C-alpha atoms as a PDB file:
ATOM      1  CA  MET A   1      32.568 -30.632 -23.200  1.00  0.00           C
ATOM      2  CA  MET A   2      30.250 -27.632 -23.435  1.00  0.00           C
ATOM      3  CA  VAL A   3      27.894 -29.566 -25.713  1.00  0.00           C
ATOM      4  CA  ILE A   4      27.691 -32.427 -23.211  1.00  0.00           C
ATOM      5  CA  GLY A   5      27.068 -29.908 -20.431  1.00  0.00           C
ATOM      6  CA  ILE A   6      24.233 -28.287 -22.388  1.00  0.00           C
ATOM      7  CA  ILE A   7      22.706 -31.698 -23.124  1.00  0.00           C
ATOM      8  CA  LEU A   8      22.895 -32.722 -19.453  1.00  0.00           C
ATOM      9  CA  LEU A   9      21.444 -29.381 -18.381  1.00  0.00           C
ATOM     10  CA  ALA A  10      18.533 -29.779 -20.791  1.00  0.00           C
ATOM     11  CA  ALA A  11      17.952 -33.352 -19.599  1.00  0.00           C
ATOM     12  CA  GLY A  12      17.987 -32.211 -15.975  1.00  0.00           C
ATOM     13  CA  ILE A  13      15.510 -29.409 -16.625  1.00  0.00           C
ATOM     14  CA  TYR A  14      13.242 -31.793 -18.545  1.00  0.00           C
ATOM     15  CA  GLY A  15      13.433 -34.351 -15.734  1.00  0.00           C
ATOM     16  CA  ALA A  16      12.697 -31.727 -13.089  1.00  0.00           C
ATOM     17  CA  TRP A  17       9.722 -30.460 -15.104  1.00  0.00           C
ATOM     18  CA  TYR A  18       8.393 -33.976 -15.738  1.00  0.00           C
ATOM     19  CA  PHE A  19       8.670 -34.977 -12.061  1.00  0.00           C
ATOM     20  CA  VAL A  20       7.807 -31.590 -10.548  1.00  0.00           C
ATOM     21  CA  GLU A  21       5.486 -33.030  -7.868  1.00  0.00           C
ATOM     22  CA  GLU A  22       8.121 -35.449  -6.624  1.00  0.00           C
ATOM     23  CA  LEU A  23      10.708 -32.677  -6.798  1.00  0.00           C
ATOM     24  CA  ILE A  24       8.579 -30.521  -4.494  1.00  0.00           C
ATOM     25  CA  LEU A  25       8.331 -33.399  -2.006  1.00  0.00           C
ATOM     26  CA  VAL A  26      12.101 -33.878  -2.093  1.00  0.00           C
ATOM     27  CA  VAL A  27      12.706 -30.169  -1.514  1.00  0.00           C
ATOM     28  CA  LYS A  28      10.262 -30.181   1.427  1.00  0.00           C
ATOM     29  CA  GLY A  29      12.033 -33.211   2.866  1.00  0.00           C
ATOM     30  CA  LEU A  30      15.440 -31.580   2.502  1.00  0.00           C
ATOM     31  CA  ILE A  31      14.193 -28.411   4.196  1.00  0.00           C
ATOM     32  CA  GLY A  32      12.871 -30.490   7.081  1.00  0.00           C
ATOM     33  CA  LEU A  33      16.171 -32.353   7.339  1.00  0.00           C
ATOM     34  CA  VAL A  34      18.157 -29.102   7.397  1.00  0.00           C
ATOM     35  CA  ILE A  35      15.893 -27.675  10.108  1.00  0.00           C
ATOM     36  CA  ALA A  36      16.317 -30.841  12.180  1.00  0.00           C
ATOM     37  CA  LEU A  37      20.115 -30.700  11.813  1.00  0.00           C
ATOM     38  CA  VAL A  38      20.195 -27.019  12.809  1.00  0.00           C
ATOM     39  CA  GLY A  39      18.078 -27.853  15.858  1.00  0.00           C
ATOM     40  CA  LEU A  40      20.444 -30.683  16.806  1.00  0.00           C
ATOM     41  CA  PHE A  41      23.447 -28.393  16.379  1.00  0.00           C
ATOM     42  CA  LEU A  42      21.859 -25.720  18.584  1.00  0.00           C
ATOM     43  CA  LEU A  43      21.040 -28.349  21.213  1.00  0.00           C
ATOM     44  CA  ILE A  44      24.645 -29.560  21.276  1.00  0.00           C
ATOM     45  CA  VAL A  45      25.979 -26.001  21.494  1.00  0.00           C
ATOM     46  CA  GLY A  46      23.521 -25.298  24.312  1.00  0.00           C
ATOM     47  CA  ILE A  47      24.663 -28.377  26.237  1.00  0.00           C
ATOM     48  CA  PHE A  48      28.320 -27.386  25.927  1.00  0.00           C
ATOM     49  CA  THR A  49      27.676 -23.784  26.978  1.00  0.00           C
ATOM     50  CA  ALA A  50      25.555 -24.883  29.952  1.00  0.00           C
ATOM     51  CA  LYS A  51      28.452 -26.968  31.299  1.00  0.00           C
ATOM     52  CA  ASP A  52      30.714 -23.901  31.499  1.00  0.00           C
END
């Protein structure tokens, strides 16, 4: 099991290194998505606190 884990880890690192430009775009997209979700959450919390 450890050998398979090491092989998968090496394959993942190789894939990330080979597609580093696409990986950066994905990370930027995920950061934007997280920021949008946090903004939506704060908006919902603000609406509920304004009603009280």
